[in-house]
Amino acid sequence: SDKKCVWVVVHSSGDDQDELVRTTELDYILENF
């Protein structure tokens, strides 16, 4: 549940220049589900 909140926050935040960082973090978070 907490991880889902983190995913939502990471997914819905940031500009285009944060795309690579967000993608990397999403991959990392999803791998740890």
N, C-alpha and C. Protein backbone atom coordinates (compact mmCIF):
# COMPACT_ATOMS: atom_id res chain seq x y z
N SER A 1 0.84 -1.20 0.00
CA SER A 1 0.00 0.00 0.00
C SER A 1 0.87 1.25 0.00
N ASP A 2 1.88 1.28 0.89
CA ASP A 2 2.79 2.43 0.92
C ASP A 2 3.55 2.56 -0.39
N LYS A 3 3.98 1.42 -0.94
CA LYS A 3 4.73 1.45 -2.19
C LYS A 3 3.85 1.97 -3.32
N LYS A 4 2.56 1.65 -3.27
CA LYS A 4 1.66 2.16 -4.29
C LYS A 4 1.58 3.68 -4.21
N CYS A 5 1.54 4.21 -2.99
CA CYS A 5 1.51 5.66 -2.81
C CYS A 5 2.77 6.29 -3.40
N VAL A 6 3.92 5.68 -3.14
CA VAL A 6 5.18 6.17 -3.67
C VAL A 6 5.13 6.15 -5.19
N TRP A 7 4.63 5.05 -5.76
CA TRP A 7 4.55 4.93 -7.22
C TRP A 7 3.70 6.05 -7.80
N VAL A 8 2.55 6.30 -7.16
CA VAL A 8 1.66 7.36 -7.64
C VAL A 8 2.35 8.71 -7.59
N VAL A 9 3.04 8.99 -6.49
CA VAL A 9 3.73 10.27 -6.34
C VAL A 9 4.81 10.41 -7.39
N VAL A 10 5.64 9.38 -7.54
CA VAL A 10 6.73 9.43 -8.52
C VAL A 10 6.16 9.54 -9.93
N HIS A 11 5.10 8.79 -10.20
CA HIS A 11 4.54 8.72 -11.54
C HIS A 11 3.91 10.05 -11.95
N SER A 12 3.31 10.75 -11.00
CA SER A 12 2.55 11.95 -11.31
C SER A 12 3.36 13.23 -11.12
N SER A 13 4.64 13.11 -10.76
CA SER A 13 5.45 14.30 -10.50
C SER A 13 6.57 14.43 -11.52
N GLY A 14 7.13 15.62 -11.64
CA GLY A 14 8.31 15.81 -12.48
C GLY A 14 7.99 16.36 -13.86
N ASP A 15 8.98 17.01 -14.47
CA ASP A 15 8.86 17.54 -15.82
C ASP A 15 9.41 16.53 -16.81
N ASP A 16 9.45 16.93 -18.09
CA ASP A 16 10.00 16.04 -19.11
C ASP A 16 11.46 15.71 -18.85
N GLN A 17 12.19 16.68 -18.29
CA GLN A 17 13.61 16.45 -18.02
C GLN A 17 13.82 15.42 -16.92
N ASP A 18 12.75 15.11 -16.17
CA ASP A 18 12.85 14.09 -15.12
C ASP A 18 12.44 12.72 -15.64
N GLU A 19 12.10 12.64 -16.93
CA GLU A 19 11.57 11.39 -17.51
C GLU A 19 12.48 10.21 -17.24
N LEU A 20 13.79 10.36 -17.55
CA LEU A 20 14.72 9.24 -17.38
C LEU A 20 14.80 8.82 -15.91
N VAL A 21 14.88 9.80 -15.02
CA VAL A 21 14.97 9.49 -13.60
C VAL A 21 13.71 8.77 -13.14
N ARG A 22 12.55 9.29 -13.55
CA ARG A 22 11.28 8.68 -13.14
C ARG A 22 11.17 7.27 -13.69
N THR A 23 11.56 7.08 -14.93
CA THR A 23 11.49 5.75 -15.53
C THR A 23 12.37 4.78 -14.77
N THR A 24 13.59 5.21 -14.44
CA THR A 24 14.51 4.34 -13.70
C THR A 24 13.94 4.00 -12.34
N GLU A 25 13.40 4.99 -11.65
CA GLU A 25 12.84 4.74 -10.32
C GLU A 25 11.60 3.87 -10.39
N LEU A 26 10.79 4.06 -11.42
CA LEU A 26 9.59 3.22 -11.58
C LEU A 26 10.00 1.78 -11.80
N ASP A 27 10.99 1.55 -12.67
CA ASP A 27 11.47 0.19 -12.91
C ASP A 27 11.97 -0.43 -11.61
N TYR A 28 12.70 0.35 -10.83
CA TYR A 28 13.24 -0.16 -9.56
C TYR A 28 12.11 -0.49 -8.58
N ILE A 29 11.15 0.41 -8.47
CA ILE A 29 10.03 0.19 -7.54
C ILE A 29 9.19 -1.00 -7.99
N LEU A 30 8.89 -1.07 -9.28
CA LEU A 30 8.06 -2.17 -9.78
C LEU A 30 8.75 -3.51 -9.57
N GLU A 31 10.07 -3.54 -9.70
CA GLU A 31 10.80 -4.79 -9.49
C GLU A 31 10.71 -5.25 -8.04
N ASN A 32 10.46 -4.32 -7.12
CA ASN A 32 10.41 -4.66 -5.70
C ASN A 32 9.00 -4.91 -5.19
N PHE A 33 8.02 -4.96 -6.08
CA PHE A 33 6.64 -5.22 -5.64
C PHE A 33 6.51 -6.64 -5.12
